[in-house]
């Protein structure tokens, strides 16, 4: 259940996370609602059956988290995610799909999704994903992390040496402690896991990650992970 996490400020501690479900299958929405409603820290506040309806519901409800299907009529989930990000909505978006393909994974992350999970993900892990993205982290399945890094390395295969040198030079701009945090991010650890491993508070981890994002000119922690892997 390793993750690549992304720093953003989520709802304050103890706040019930309000979730919007966007899926064209009513049975899937009912199942997700049942799963999420079993957690006292989560409230399903709305549903939509297509991407356009999902955008309208986000405008009306301002949810903390959106579970977004990919293939839907009227407007697909990836296009809806891109439009919400273009409009400046900061709600955490988890793309939930039955299609485990690199194309969907890459498009979801480029569109600004905070997570990518398959619909056969165990209920407990879906609940965990909602909590993680709702408090400012990203959620990717372990296989998605590996495939994502492999994709970028394949893109740079012809210039591997220069890419490695470039990544190492970038990491050299970090302090020793920042580098430790960056390496932990690259291995897929959550803020809480980094906190336990490096003996610092979660708040301190967030401060370090924010500083690393700025120094490395990265927009999210997936990009930090890619730099770490390219440097090896």
Foldseek 3Di string as FASTA:
>chain_A
DFAQWWFDAFDDPPAQFEEEEEAQDPVLVVVLQVLQVVDPSYDHDYYHNALVVVLVCCVVPVGQEYAAEADGPPHGRLRSLLVCVVVPRDRAYEYEYQDPDPVVLVSNVVSPHQEYYYSVPDSVVVNVQSVRVNRGIGGYDPVSLVVVLVVVCVVCVVVLVVLLVVLVVLLVVDDPVLSLLLVCSLVRHGLVRSCVVVVHDSVVSSVSSVVSCVSSVHPTSSVSNNSNVSND
